[in-house]
Amino acid sequence: MSSTTDCTANAIARSRCIIEAILNDLSETYKPVGGGGISKIKQDATWVYTVSISQEERMDLITYTVEMSPKGEVIIKDRKADTESYGR
């Protein structure tokens, strides 16, 4: 996140910071190759986001639980992976 952005300023700034932290984490931790990339990022609750990543014949779902420090730093508390088959 840009050092000029206050992640605690409002809900949009908070979401932006959280999504950028999630994307940075995915770049480091998500290793499957192929597929169509990220198809959706959904906020399920205030501090819970699910990323949908299209793969051949399945959708990988990575659910993040995060929190924000008083200084506006995003902390990833938990990451859970799941898969939905397209079921032909």
PDB file of N, CA and C in Angstrom:
ATOM      1  N   MET A   1       0.838  -1.174   0.000  1.00  0.00           N
ATOM      2  CA  MET A   1       0.000   0.000   0.000  1.00  0.00           C
ATOM      3  C   MET A   1       0.878   1.230   0.000  1.00  0.00           C
ATOM      4  N   SER A   2       0.452   2.203  -0.707  1.00  0.00           N
ATOM      5  CA  SER A   2       1.201   3.458  -0.761  1.00  0.00           C
ATOM      6  C   SER A   2       1.309   4.069   0.621  1.00  0.00           C
ATOM      7  N   SER A   3       2.466   4.642   0.906  1.00  0.00           N
ATOM      8  CA  SER A   3       2.669   5.244   2.224  1.00  0.00           C
ATOM      9  C   SER A   3       1.801   6.476   2.423  1.00  0.00           C
ATOM     10  N   THR A   4       1.184   6.980   1.344  1.00  0.00           N
ATOM     11  CA  THR A   4       0.320   8.153   1.476  1.00  0.00           C
ATOM     12  C   THR A   4      -1.128   7.771   1.765  1.00  0.00           C
ATOM     13  N   THR A   5      -1.449   6.487   1.715  1.00  0.00           N
ATOM     14  CA  THR A   5      -2.812   6.041   1.960  1.00  0.00           C
ATOM     15  C   THR A   5      -2.991   5.660   3.418  1.00  0.00           C
ATOM     16  N   ASP A   6      -4.017   6.237   4.045  1.00  0.00           N
ATOM     17  CA  ASP A   6      -4.364   5.890   5.419  1.00  0.00           C
ATOM     18  C   ASP A   6      -5.391   4.768   5.360  1.00  0.00           C
ATOM     19  N   CYS A   7      -4.969   3.566   5.688  1.00  0.00           N
ATOM     20  CA  CYS A   7      -5.846   2.396   5.593  1.00  0.00           C
ATOM     21  C   CYS A   7      -7.003   2.438   6.583  1.00  0.00           C
ATOM     22  N   THR A   8      -6.948   3.322   7.551  1.00  0.00           N
ATOM     23  CA  THR A   8      -8.027   3.430   8.534  1.00  0.00           C
ATOM     24  C   THR A   8      -8.959   4.598   8.232  1.00  0.00           C
ATOM     25  N   ALA A   9      -8.743   5.304   7.123  1.00  0.00           N
ATOM     26  CA  ALA A   9      -9.508   6.520   6.820  1.00  0.00           C
ATOM     27  C   ALA A   9     -11.000   6.253   6.645  1.00  0.00           C
ATOM     28  N   ASN A  10     -11.341   5.185   5.918  1.00  0.00           N
ATOM     29  CA  ASN A  10     -12.747   4.851   5.667  1.00  0.00           C
ATOM     30  C   ASN A  10     -12.815   3.414   5.145  1.00  0.00           C
ATOM     31  N   ALA A  11     -14.031   2.952   4.881  1.00  0.00           N
ATOM     32  CA  ALA A  11     -14.220   1.555   4.471  1.00  0.00           C
ATOM     33  C   ALA A  11     -13.547   1.237   3.136  1.00  0.00           C
ATOM     34  N   ILE A  12     -13.564   2.174   2.196  1.00  0.00           N
ATOM     35  CA  ILE A  12     -12.933   1.930   0.896  1.00  0.00           C
ATOM     36  C   ILE A  12     -11.420   1.804   1.054  1.00  0.00           C
ATOM     37  N   ALA A  13     -10.824   2.704   1.813  1.00  0.00           N
ATOM     38  CA  ALA A  13      -9.372   2.638   2.049  1.00  0.00           C
ATOM     39  C   ALA A  13      -9.005   1.341   2.756  1.00  0.00           C
ATOM     40  N   ARG A  14      -9.818   0.940   3.739  1.00  0.00           N
ATOM     41  CA  ARG A  14      -9.555  -0.308   4.464  1.00  0.00           C
ATOM     42  C   ARG A  14      -9.623  -1.499   3.503  1.00  0.00           C
ATOM     43  N   SER A  15     -10.673  -1.553   2.680  1.00  0.00           N
ATOM     44  CA  SER A  15     -10.811  -2.655   1.724  1.00  0.00           C
ATOM     45  C   SER A  15      -9.647  -2.689   0.748  1.00  0.00           C
ATOM     46  N   ARG A  16      -9.254  -1.527   0.257  1.00  0.00           N
ATOM     47  CA  ARG A  16      -8.135  -1.464  -0.691  1.00  0.00           C
ATOM     48  C   ARG A  16      -6.859  -2.023  -0.061  1.00  0.00           C
ATOM     49  N   CYS A  17      -6.571  -1.626   1.146  1.00  0.00           N
ATOM     50  CA  CYS A  17      -5.368  -2.116   1.830  1.00  0.00           C
ATOM     51  C   CYS A  17      -5.430  -3.623   2.050  1.00  0.00           C
ATOM     52  N   ILE A  18      -6.598  -4.109   2.447  1.00  0.00           N
ATOM     53  CA  ILE A  18      -6.762  -5.547   2.684  1.00  0.00           C
ATOM     54  C   ILE A  18      -6.586  -6.327   1.386  1.00  0.00           C
ATOM     55  N   ILE A  19      -7.218  -5.866   0.312  1.00  0.00           N
ATOM     56  CA  ILE A  19      -7.116  -6.565  -0.972  1.00  0.00           C
ATOM     57  C   ILE A  19      -5.677  -6.564  -1.470  1.00  0.00           C
ATOM     58  N   GLU A  20      -4.975  -5.451  -1.331  1.00  0.00           N
ATOM     59  CA  GLU A  20      -3.570  -5.410  -1.751  1.00  0.00           C
ATOM     60  C   GLU A  20      -2.718  -6.373  -0.923  1.00  0.00           C
ATOM     61  N   ALA A  21      -2.991  -6.484   0.368  1.00  0.00           N
ATOM     62  CA  ALA A  21      -2.247  -7.429   1.213  1.00  0.00           C
ATOM     63  C   ALA A  21      -2.538  -8.866   0.785  1.00  0.00           C
ATOM     64  N   ILE A  22      -3.790  -9.150   0.461  1.00  0.00           N
ATOM     65  CA  ILE A  22      -4.164 -10.486  -0.001  1.00  0.00           C
ATOM     66  C   ILE A  22      -3.478 -10.801  -1.327  1.00  0.00           C
ATOM     67  N   LEU A  23      -3.482  -9.862  -2.265  1.00  0.00           N
ATOM     68  CA  LEU A  23      -2.827 -10.090  -3.554  1.00  0.00           C
ATOM     69  C   LEU A  23      -1.327 -10.317  -3.383  1.00  0.00           C
ATOM     70  N   ASN A  24      -0.707  -9.568  -2.496  1.00  0.00           N
ATOM     71  CA  ASN A  24       0.720  -9.779  -2.216  1.00  0.00           C
ATOM     72  C   ASN A  24       0.959 -11.169  -1.648  1.00  0.00           C
ATOM     73  N   ASP A  25       0.081 -11.598  -0.730  1.00  0.00           N
ATOM     74  CA  ASP A  25       0.220 -12.931  -0.144  1.00  0.00           C
ATOM     75  C   ASP A  25       0.031 -14.017  -1.201  1.00  0.00           C
ATOM     76  N   LEU A  26      -0.977 -13.857  -2.062  1.00  0.00           N
ATOM     77  CA  LEU A  26      -1.204 -14.846  -3.119  1.00  0.00           C
ATOM     78  C   LEU A  26       0.000 -14.952  -4.052  1.00  0.00           C
ATOM     79  N   SER A  27       0.610 -13.827  -4.364  1.00  0.00           N
ATOM     80  CA  SER A  27       1.792 -13.837  -5.237  1.00  0.00           C
ATOM     81  C   SER A  27       2.914 -14.677  -4.649  1.00  0.00           C
ATOM     82  N   GLU A  28       2.989 -14.705  -3.337  1.00  0.00           N
ATOM     83  CA  GLU A  28       4.046 -15.454  -2.657  1.00  0.00           C
ATOM     84  C   GLU A  28       3.667 -16.899  -2.348  1.00  0.00           C
ATOM     85  N   THR A  29       2.375 -17.184  -2.165  1.00  0.00           N
ATOM     86  CA  THR A  29       1.985 -18.494  -1.646  1.00  0.00           C
ATOM     87  C   THR A  29       1.208 -19.376  -2.613  1.00  0.00           C
ATOM     88  N   TYR A  30       0.561 -18.823  -3.631  1.00  0.00           N
ATOM     89  CA  TYR A  30      -0.280 -19.617  -4.529  1.00  0.00           C
ATOM     90  C   TYR A  30       0.560 -20.092  -5.710  1.00  0.00           C
ATOM     91  N   LYS A  31       0.756 -21.384  -5.813  1.00  0.00           N
ATOM     92  CA  LYS A  31       1.696 -21.917  -6.800  1.00  0.00           C
ATOM     93  C   LYS A  31       1.094 -22.619  -8.014  1.00  0.00           C
ATOM     94  N   PRO A  32      -0.181 -23.041  -8.022  1.00  0.00           N
ATOM     95  CA  PRO A  32      -0.683 -23.737  -9.212  1.00  0.00           C
ATOM     96  C   PRO A  32      -0.567 -22.863 -10.464  1.00  0.00           C
ATOM     97  N   VAL A  33      -0.157 -23.488 -11.556  1.00  0.00           N
ATOM     98  CA  VAL A  33      -0.041 -22.757 -12.815  1.00  0.00           C
ATOM     99  C   VAL A  33      -1.205 -23.120 -13.720  1.00  0.00           C
ATOM    100  N   GLY A  34      -1.447 -22.314 -14.715  1.00  0.00           N
ATOM    101  CA  GLY A  34      -2.537 -22.568 -15.638  1.00  0.00           C
ATOM    102  C   GLY A  34      -3.811 -21.906 -15.159  1.00  0.00           C
ATOM    103  N   GLY A  35      -4.888 -22.204 -15.841  1.00  0.00           N
ATOM    104  CA  GLY A  35      -6.165 -21.632 -15.456  1.00  0.00           C
ATOM    105  C   GLY A  35      -6.323 -20.199 -15.923  1.00  0.00           C
ATOM    106  N   GLY A  36      -7.367 -19.570 -15.427  1.00  0.00           N
ATOM    107  CA  GLY A  36      -7.728 -18.241 -15.916  1.00  0.00           C
ATOM    108  C   GLY A  36      -7.415 -17.103 -14.982  1.00  0.00           C
ATOM    109  N   GLY A  37      -6.773 -17.364 -13.876  1.00  0.00           N
ATOM    110  CA  GLY A  37      -6.434 -16.291 -12.945  1.00  0.00           C
ATOM    111  C   GLY A  37      -7.563 -15.981 -11.978  1.00  0.00           C
ATOM    112  N   ILE A  38      -7.455 -14.846 -11.318  1.00  0.00           N
ATOM    113  CA  ILE A  38      -8.445 -14.445 -10.315  1.00  0.00           C
ATOM    114  C   ILE A  38      -9.731 -14.038 -11.019  1.00  0.00           C
ATOM    115  N   SER A  39     -10.834 -14.660 -10.636  1.00  0.00           N
ATOM    116  CA  SER A  39     -12.122 -14.319 -11.234  1.00  0.00           C
ATOM    117  C   SER A  39     -12.989 -13.482 -10.300  1.00  0.00           C
ATOM    118  N   LYS A  40     -12.681 -13.533  -8.974  1.00  0.00           N
ATOM    119  CA  LYS A  40     -13.516 -12.769  -8.042  1.00  0.00           C
ATOM    120  C   LYS A  40     -12.798 -12.617  -6.709  1.00  0.00           C
ATOM    121  N   ILE A  41     -12.970 -11.450  -6.095  1.00  0.00           N
ATOM    122  CA  ILE A  41     -12.572 -11.221  -4.707  1.00  0.00           C
ATOM    123  C   ILE A  41     -13.820 -10.719  -4.005  1.00  0.00           C
ATOM    124  N   LYS A  42     -14.267 -11.466  -3.001  1.00  0.00           N
ATOM    125  CA  LYS A  42     -15.529 -11.153  -2.327  1.00  0.00           C
ATOM    126  C   LYS A  42     -15.298 -10.934  -0.841  1.00  0.00           C
ATOM    127  N   GLN A  43     -15.874  -9.859  -0.322  1.00  0.00           N
ATOM    128  CA  GLN A  43     -15.840  -9.628   1.118  1.00  0.00           C
ATOM    129  C   GLN A  43     -17.035 -10.359   1.717  1.00  0.00           C
ATOM    130  N   ASP A  44     -16.757 -11.395   2.517  1.00  0.00           N
ATOM    131  CA  ASP A  44     -17.812 -12.206   3.124  1.00  0.00           C
ATOM    132  C   ASP A  44     -18.285 -11.626   4.452  1.00  0.00           C
ATOM    133  N   ALA A  45     -17.397 -10.953   5.144  1.00  0.00           N
ATOM    134  CA  ALA A  45     -17.679 -10.291   6.421  1.00  0.00           C
ATOM    135  C   ALA A  45     -16.641  -9.180   6.553  1.00  0.00           C
ATOM    136  N   THR A  46     -16.740  -8.377   7.589  1.00  0.00           N
ATOM    137  CA  THR A  46     -15.836  -7.239   7.727  1.00  0.00           C
ATOM    138  C   THR A  46     -14.379  -7.630   7.570  1.00  0.00           C
ATOM    139  N   TRP A  47     -13.979  -8.734   8.150  1.00  0.00           N
ATOM    140  CA  TRP A  47     -12.569  -9.138   8.159  1.00  0.00           C
ATOM    141  C   TRP A  47     -12.323 -10.456   7.439  1.00  0.00           C
ATOM    142  N   VAL A  48     -13.266 -10.886   6.587  1.00  0.00           N
ATOM    143  CA  VAL A  48     -13.138 -12.157   5.868  1.00  0.00           C
ATOM    144  C   VAL A  48     -13.363 -11.916   4.370  1.00  0.00           C
ATOM    145  N   TYR A  49     -12.389 -12.342   3.574  1.00  0.00           N
ATOM    146  CA  TYR A  49     -12.446 -12.190   2.120  1.00  0.00           C
ATOM    147  C   TYR A  49     -12.175 -13.538   1.476  1.00  0.00           C
ATOM    148  N   THR A  50     -12.874 -13.826   0.361  1.00  0.00           N
ATOM    149  CA  THR A  50     -12.626 -15.041  -0.401  1.00  0.00           C
ATOM    150  C   THR A  50     -12.196 -14.671  -1.810  1.00  0.00           C
ATOM    151  N   VAL A  51     -11.101 -15.278  -2.247  1.00  0.00           N
ATOM    152  CA  VAL A  51     -10.580 -15.082  -3.595  1.00  0.00           C
ATOM    153  C   VAL A  51     -10.892 -16.338  -4.397  1.00  0.00           C
ATOM    154  N   SER A  52     -11.524 -16.165  -5.561  1.00  0.00           N
ATOM    155  CA  SER A  52     -11.822 -17.281  -6.460  1.00  0.00           C
ATOM    156  C   SER A  52     -10.829 -17.250  -7.611  1.00  0.00           C
ATOM    157  N   ILE A  53     -10.166 -18.386  -7.841  1.00  0.00           N
ATOM    158  CA  ILE A  53      -9.160 -18.489  -8.891  1.00  0.00           C
ATOM    159  C   ILE A  53      -9.561 -19.629  -9.821  1.00  0.00           C
ATOM    160  N   SER A  54      -9.811 -19.285 -11.090  1.00  0.00           N
ATOM    161  CA  SER A  54     -10.233 -20.280 -12.079  1.00  0.00           C
ATOM    162  C   SER A  54      -9.077 -21.186 -12.461  1.00  0.00           C
ATOM    163  N   GLN A  55      -9.335 -22.470 -12.406  1.00  0.00           N
ATOM    164  CA  GLN A  55      -8.396 -23.484 -12.876  1.00  0.00           C
ATOM    165  C   GLN A  55      -9.171 -24.406 -13.814  1.00  0.00           C
ATOM    166  N   GLU A  56      -8.456 -25.265 -14.517  1.00  0.00           N
ATOM    167  CA  GLU A  56      -9.137 -26.189 -15.411  1.00  0.00           C
ATOM    168  C   GLU A  56     -10.046 -27.109 -14.603  1.00  0.00           C
ATOM    169  N   GLU A  57     -11.330 -27.092 -14.921  1.00  0.00           N
ATOM    170  CA  GLU A  57     -12.351 -27.949 -14.327  1.00  0.00           C
ATOM    171  C   GLU A  57     -12.581 -27.742 -12.836  1.00  0.00           C
ATOM    172  N   ARG A  58     -12.087 -26.619 -12.280  1.00  0.00           N
ATOM    173  CA  ARG A  58     -12.336 -26.352 -10.860  1.00  0.00           C
ATOM    174  C   ARG A  58     -12.133 -24.867 -10.567  1.00  0.00           C
ATOM    175  N   MET A  59     -12.613 -24.485  -9.406  1.00  0.00           N
ATOM    176  CA  MET A  59     -12.396 -23.137  -8.890  1.00  0.00           C
ATOM    177  C   MET A  59     -11.688 -23.290  -7.555  1.00  0.00           C
ATOM    178  N   ASP A  60     -10.500 -22.704  -7.428  1.00  0.00           N
ATOM    179  CA  ASP A  60      -9.804 -22.688  -6.146  1.00  0.00           C
ATOM    180  C   ASP A  60     -10.318 -21.497  -5.351  1.00  0.00           C
ATOM    181  N   LEU A  61     -10.683 -21.743  -4.105  1.00  0.00           N
ATOM    182  CA  LEU A  61     -11.201 -20.700  -3.220  1.00  0.00           C
ATOM    183  C   LEU A  61     -10.236 -20.534  -2.054  1.00  0.00           C
ATOM    184  N   ILE A  62      -9.707 -19.341  -1.904  1.00  0.00           N
ATOM    185  CA  ILE A  62      -8.788 -19.048  -0.807  1.00  0.00           C
ATOM    186  C   ILE A  62      -9.492 -18.027   0.081  1.00  0.00           C
ATOM    187  N   THR A  63      -9.782 -18.421   1.315  1.00  0.00           N
ATOM    188  CA  THR A  63     -10.480 -17.540   2.251  1.00  0.00           C
ATOM    189  C   THR A  63      -9.491 -16.998   3.267  1.00  0.00           C
ATOM    190  N   TYR A  64      -9.475 -15.690   3.365  1.00  0.00           N
ATOM    191  CA  TYR A  64      -8.572 -14.980   4.275  1.00  0.00           C
ATOM    192  C   TYR A  64      -9.356 -14.363   5.420  1.00  0.00           C
ATOM    193  N   THR A  65      -8.837 -14.513   6.618  1.00  0.00           N
ATOM    194  CA  THR A  65      -9.316 -13.766   7.777  1.00  0.00           C
ATOM    195  C   THR A  65      -8.190 -12.812   8.144  1.00  0.00           C
ATOM    196  N   VAL A  66      -8.529 -11.537   8.230  1.00  0.00           N
ATOM    197  CA  VAL A  66      -7.513 -10.509   8.476  1.00  0.00           C
ATOM    198  C   VAL A  66      -7.935  -9.630   9.646  1.00  0.00           C
ATOM    199  N   GLU A  67      -6.997  -8.820  10.096  1.00  0.00           N
ATOM    200  CA  GLU A  67      -7.318  -7.751  11.044  1.00  0.00           C
ATOM    201  C   GLU A  67      -6.422  -6.576  10.694  1.00  0.00           C
ATOM    202  N   MET A  68      -6.728  -5.430  11.255  1.00  0.00           N
ATOM    203  CA  MET A  68      -5.937  -4.243  10.992  1.00  0.00           C
ATOM    204  C   MET A  68      -5.423  -3.679  12.300  1.00  0.00           C
ATOM    205  N   SER A  69      -4.140  -3.384  12.317  1.00  0.00           N
ATOM    206  CA  SER A  69      -3.538  -2.792  13.513  1.00  0.00           C
ATOM    207  C   SER A  69      -3.996  -1.337  13.634  1.00  0.00           C
ATOM    208  N   PRO A  70      -3.860  -0.744  14.809  1.00  0.00           N
ATOM    209  CA  PRO A  70      -4.226   0.666  14.971  1.00  0.00           C
ATOM    210  C   PRO A  70      -3.469   1.589  14.008  1.00  0.00           C
ATOM    211  N   LYS A  71      -2.306   1.155  13.554  1.00  0.00           N
ATOM    212  CA  LYS A  71      -1.517   1.954  12.606  1.00  0.00           C
ATOM    213  C   LYS A  71      -1.939   1.721  11.156  1.00  0.00           C
ATOM    214  N   GLY A  72      -2.922   0.846  10.943  1.00  0.00           N
ATOM    215  CA  GLY A  72      -3.409   0.587   9.596  1.00  0.00           C
ATOM    216  C   GLY A  72      -2.676  -0.502   8.850  1.00  0.00           C
ATOM    217  N   GLU A  73      -1.929  -1.333   9.545  1.00  0.00           N
ATOM    218  CA  GLU A  73      -1.233  -2.449   8.909  1.00  0.00           C
ATOM    219  C   GLU A  73      -2.148  -3.670   8.881  1.00  0.00           C
ATOM    220  N   VAL A  74      -2.249  -4.300   7.719  1.00  0.00           N
ATOM    221  CA  VAL A  74      -3.083  -5.490   7.572  1.00  0.00           C
ATOM    222  C   VAL A  74      -2.313  -6.703   8.077  1.00  0.00           C
ATOM    223  N   ILE A  75      -2.977  -7.485   8.927  1.00  0.00           N
ATOM    224  CA  ILE A  75      -2.400  -8.709   9.481  1.00  0.00           C
ATOM    225  C   ILE A  75      -3.260  -9.876   9.003  1.00  0.00           C
ATOM    226  N   ILE A  76      -2.642 -10.820   8.297  1.00  0.00           N
ATOM    227  CA  ILE A  76      -3.365 -12.011   7.859  1.00  0.00           C
ATOM    228  C   ILE A  76      -3.364 -13.000   9.013  1.00  0.00           C
ATOM    229  N   LYS A  77      -4.555 -13.257   9.557  1.00  0.00           N
ATOM    230  CA  LYS A  77      -4.700 -14.146  10.713  1.00  0.00           C
ATOM    231  C   LYS A  77      -4.833 -15.606  10.285  1.00  0.00           C
ATOM    232  N   ASP A  78      -5.495 -15.833   9.123  1.00  0.00           N
ATOM    233  CA  ASP A  78      -5.758 -17.200   8.696  1.00  0.00           C
ATOM    234  C   ASP A  78      -5.957 -17.219   7.186  1.00  0.00           C
ATOM    235  N   ARG A  79      -5.582 -18.334   6.568  1.00  0.00           N
ATOM    236  CA  ARG A  79      -5.784 -18.558   5.140  1.00  0.00           C
ATOM    237  C   ARG A  79      -6.237 -19.998   4.984  1.00  0.00           C
ATOM    238  N   LYS A  80      -7.391 -20.208   4.360  1.00  0.00           N
ATOM    239  CA  LYS A  80      -7.900 -21.564   4.138  1.00  0.00           C
ATOM    240  C   LYS A  80      -8.167 -21.754   2.652  1.00  0.00           C
ATOM    241  N   ALA A  81      -7.737 -22.895   2.144  1.00  0.00           N
ATOM    242  CA  ALA A  81      -7.942 -23.213   0.734  1.00  0.00           C
ATOM    243  C   ALA A  81      -9.023 -24.274   0.591  1.00  0.00           C
ATOM    244  N   ASP A  82      -9.842 -24.115  -0.443  1.00  0.00           N
ATOM    245  CA  ASP A  82     -10.885 -25.077  -0.761  1.00  0.00           C
ATOM    246  C   ASP A  82     -10.985 -25.136  -2.285  1.00  0.00           C
ATOM    247  N   THR A  83     -11.694 -26.135  -2.780  1.00  0.00           N
ATOM    248  CA  THR A  83     -11.858 -26.292  -4.222  1.00  0.00           C
ATOM    249  C   THR A  83     -13.300 -26.641  -4.530  1.00  0.00           C
ATOM    250  N   GLU A  84     -13.845 -26.021  -5.573  1.00  0.00           N
ATOM    251  CA  GLU A  84     -15.159 -26.387  -6.100  1.00  0.00           C
ATOM    252  C   GLU A  84     -14.946 -26.942  -7.496  1.00  0.00           C
ATOM    253  N   SER A  85     -15.464 -28.145  -7.741  1.00  0.00           N
ATOM    254  CA  SER A  85     -15.373 -28.732  -9.080  1.00  0.00           C
ATOM    255  C   SER A  85     -16.485 -28.177  -9.942  1.00  0.00           C
ATOM    256  N   TYR A  86     -16.219 -28.068 -11.233  1.00  0.00           N
ATOM    257  CA  TYR A  86     -17.247 -27.598 -12.159  1.00  0.00           C
ATOM    258  C   TYR A  86     -18.255 -28.688 -12.460  1.00  0.00           C
ATOM    259  N   GLY A  87     -17.919 -29.946 -12.170  1.00  0.00           N
ATOM    260  CA  GLY A  87     -18.840 -31.072 -12.290  1.00  0.00           C
ATOM    261  C   GLY A  87     -19.490 -31.207 -13.647  1.00  0.00           C
ATOM    262  N   ARG A  88     -18.790 -31.808 -14.540  1.00  0.00           N
ATOM    263  CA  ARG A  88     -19.324 -31.992 -15.897  1.00  0.00           C
ATOM    264  C   ARG A  88     -20.239 -33.160 -15.972  1.00  0.00           C
TER     265      ARG A  88
END
